[in-house]
Every structure is written in structure tokens, then in C-alpha cells.
Amino acid sequence: MTEVLRRDRLDVKAMHARFGGAPYWMQPIVLVFNGVESEDAWVFEGPGGCRVIVSYDSDSEPGVEWVHASMGYAMQERMPSYNDLKRMHYGVFGDGFAYQCFVPPNEHINIRSNVLHLWGRLDGRPALPNFGWQGTI
């Protein structure tokens, strides 16, 4: 019997198609870190040295399945743009909600300075109040 890993909860075929597929985006591969294959993450590589890592997280909030996506470029000097972040949002979350978080400085973790992150629920539902309920934000 084949073991079902947490990364298998992510629909990487749909994500790859939303990113634009081949030839611009390589087929997603399992993240390997320090020679160990990840149980919960995939890597998408695209144009201009763009790299998106998508991971499944069921541990942060009991009963809620979260997805974390990060985007960076091979050139350390290049920071993803707003359009890049929108592309990652659509590629990973489709029409679902996702969030960029700003935490207090003493809780900020930054492994690379040129990487941006989004978090969203696997089911695409919002995790914040509807700030536009009166028609505008």
C-alpha cells in the first residue's frame, strides 16, 4: 500500500496549470532539504530564476488545513514584485483567500531576505473578517 504524505493534500497539477505550465514552469518536484525529501512541500521553478515553495500545514491550527507559499529569485538582489505575488497567489490558491502577514519584529523569521510569503486555508475560505462588507475597504 502506498503511503499518503501530507504533501499529497496539495493539488500540484492544478497549481502547475495555473502558473502557466510547461515550457515556462517546470513540473513541480518534491522539496529536498539537506538531502531529506520533504513530507509536506513541493517546489515550482519558473521564468527568470523564480522559485515557489508550497507546503501543507495541518499543525498550526487544530482542525484547519493551511497552505504556505513562498517566492524568491535565484539572484539575491531581486525581490518579487507585487505582480509576482499576485501570480503566486493565483498559482497556489486559485480563487481562494491568501494573506501576507506582518508580525512583531521579535517574532519575525527570515531565512532569505528576498523571499515573500502567503498563507491561506486549503479550502480557500477567508480567515479574516469581511472588511469590505459596506462596499469598500
Protein backbone atom coordinates (compact mmCIF):
# COMPACT_ATOMS: atom_id res chain seq x y z
CA MET A 1 0.00 0.00 0.00
CA THR A 2 1.32 3.46 -0.92
CA GLU A 3 1.88 5.86 1.95
CA VAL A 4 -0.12 9.08 1.67
CA LEU A 5 2.07 12.02 2.61
CA ARG A 6 0.88 15.43 3.73
CA ARG A 7 2.22 16.98 0.51
CA ASP A 8 -0.27 14.83 -1.42
CA ARG A 9 -3.09 17.02 0.01
CA LEU A 10 -1.88 19.76 -2.38
CA ASP A 11 -3.22 19.71 -5.94
CA VAL A 12 0.11 20.41 -7.63
CA LYS A 13 -1.22 19.54 -11.11
CA ALA A 14 -3.81 22.33 -10.84
CA MET A 15 -1.20 24.70 -9.40
CA HIS A 16 1.22 23.96 -12.24
CA ALA A 17 -1.53 24.63 -14.78
CA ARG A 18 -2.49 27.94 -13.10
CA PHE A 19 1.16 29.05 -13.12
CA GLY A 20 1.09 28.54 -16.89
CA GLY A 21 2.57 25.05 -17.16
CA ALA A 22 5.33 24.00 -19.50
CA PRO A 23 7.52 25.26 -21.04
CA TYR A 24 7.66 28.29 -18.72
CA TRP A 25 7.22 26.43 -15.45
CA MET A 26 8.98 23.12 -14.81
CA GLN A 27 6.98 20.19 -13.44
CA PRO A 28 6.80 20.51 -9.64
CA ILE A 29 9.27 18.44 -7.65
CA VAL A 30 9.30 17.37 -4.03
CA LEU A 31 11.33 19.73 -1.83
CA VAL A 32 14.61 18.18 -0.70
CA PHE A 33 16.34 19.90 2.23
CA ASN A 34 19.75 18.74 3.48
CA GLY A 35 19.33 15.55 1.46
CA VAL A 36 15.97 14.68 3.05
CA GLU A 37 12.76 14.55 1.00
CA SER A 38 10.00 16.70 2.48
CA GLU A 39 6.75 15.07 3.55
CA ASP A 40 4.76 18.28 3.06
CA ALA A 41 6.31 20.56 0.39
CA TRP A 42 6.73 21.00 -3.37
CA VAL A 43 8.97 23.25 -5.47
CA PHE A 44 7.92 25.07 -8.64
CA GLU A 45 10.62 26.66 -10.79
CA GLY A 46 9.73 29.27 -13.37
CA PRO A 47 10.99 32.07 -15.58
CA GLY A 48 13.88 34.30 -14.54
CA GLY A 49 15.09 32.04 -11.77
CA CYS A 50 11.77 32.25 -9.91
CA ARG A 51 11.24 29.58 -7.27
CA VAL A 52 7.99 28.92 -5.41
CA ILE A 53 7.83 26.52 -2.48
CA VAL A 54 4.38 25.34 -1.41
CA SER A 55 3.85 23.43 1.81
CA TYR A 56 0.90 21.86 3.57
CA ASP A 57 0.44 22.63 7.27
CA SER A 58 -2.14 20.92 9.44
CA ASP A 59 -0.26 21.63 12.68
CA SER A 60 -0.65 25.41 13.11
CA GLU A 61 -4.35 25.42 13.95
CA PRO A 62 -6.22 22.30 15.03
CA GLY A 63 -8.94 21.36 12.56
CA VAL A 64 -7.75 23.78 9.85
CA GLU A 65 -5.53 22.82 6.92
CA TRP A 66 -3.21 25.69 5.96
CA VAL A 67 -1.02 26.18 2.91
CA HIS A 68 2.17 28.24 2.98
CA ALA A 69 3.70 29.55 -0.25
CA SER A 70 6.99 31.39 -0.60
CA MET A 71 8.51 33.02 -3.68
CA GLY A 72 12.03 34.18 -4.34
CA TYR A 73 14.58 34.52 -7.11
CA ALA A 74 17.98 32.93 -7.58
CA MET A 75 19.54 36.41 -7.74
CA GLN A 76 19.67 37.52 -4.10
CA GLU A 77 19.25 41.17 -5.18
CA ARG A 78 15.86 40.56 -6.85
CA MET A 79 12.79 40.88 -4.64
CA PRO A 80 9.48 39.54 -6.01
CA SER A 81 7.19 42.32 -7.23
CA TYR A 82 3.52 42.87 -6.47
CA ASN A 83 2.68 41.23 -9.81
CA ASP A 84 4.88 38.27 -8.87
CA LEU A 85 2.97 37.95 -5.58
CA LYS A 86 -0.35 38.08 -7.47
CA ARG A 87 0.93 35.35 -9.82
CA MET A 88 1.90 33.19 -6.84
CA HIS A 89 -1.49 33.82 -5.21
CA TYR A 90 -3.38 32.68 -8.30
CA GLY A 91 -0.99 29.78 -8.99
CA VAL A 92 -1.22 28.34 -5.49
CA PHE A 93 -4.60 29.48 -4.15
CA GLY A 94 -6.63 29.97 -7.34
CA ASP A 95 -9.71 31.98 -6.42
CA GLY A 96 -9.24 31.37 -2.69
CA PHE A 97 -8.13 33.76 0.02
CA ALA A 98 -4.46 34.12 0.99
CA TYR A 99 -2.65 36.51 3.29
CA GLN A 100 0.69 38.21 3.66
CA CYS A 101 1.46 38.56 7.36
CA PHE A 102 3.40 41.20 9.23
CA VAL A 103 4.37 40.13 12.74
CA PRO A 104 6.16 41.96 15.58
CA PRO A 105 9.92 42.26 14.93
CA ASN A 106 10.79 39.86 17.76
CA GLU A 107 8.68 37.12 16.08
CA HIS A 108 9.95 37.71 12.54
CA ILE A 109 11.81 34.79 10.98
CA ASN A 110 13.69 35.44 7.75
CA ILE A 111 15.96 32.80 6.24
CA ARG A 112 16.45 34.76 2.98
CA SER A 113 15.94 38.48 2.59
CA ASN A 114 14.45 38.31 -0.93
CA VAL A 115 11.55 35.93 -0.31
CA LEU A 116 7.86 36.84 0.11
CA HIS A 117 5.22 34.59 1.69
CA LEU A 118 1.49 33.94 1.54
CA TRP A 119 -0.66 31.79 3.82
CA GLY A 120 -4.16 30.54 3.14
CA ARG A 121 -6.55 27.81 4.10
CA LEU A 122 -6.55 24.70 1.91
CA ASP A 123 -10.31 25.10 1.42
CA GLY A 124 -9.80 28.71 0.20
CA ARG A 125 -12.14 30.17 2.83
CA PRO A 126 -11.36 33.54 4.44
CA ALA A 127 -9.66 33.66 7.81
CA LEU A 128 -10.27 37.36 8.45
CA PRO A 129 -13.40 39.48 8.85
CA ASN A 130 -15.02 40.83 5.69
CA PHE A 131 -13.54 44.33 5.82
CA GLY A 132 -15.40 45.31 2.63
CA TRP A 133 -18.90 44.48 3.88
CA GLN A 134 -20.01 48.10 3.29
CA GLY A 135 -18.81 48.01 -0.31
CA THR A 136 -15.26 49.29 0.16
CA ILE A 137 -12.19 48.79 2.27
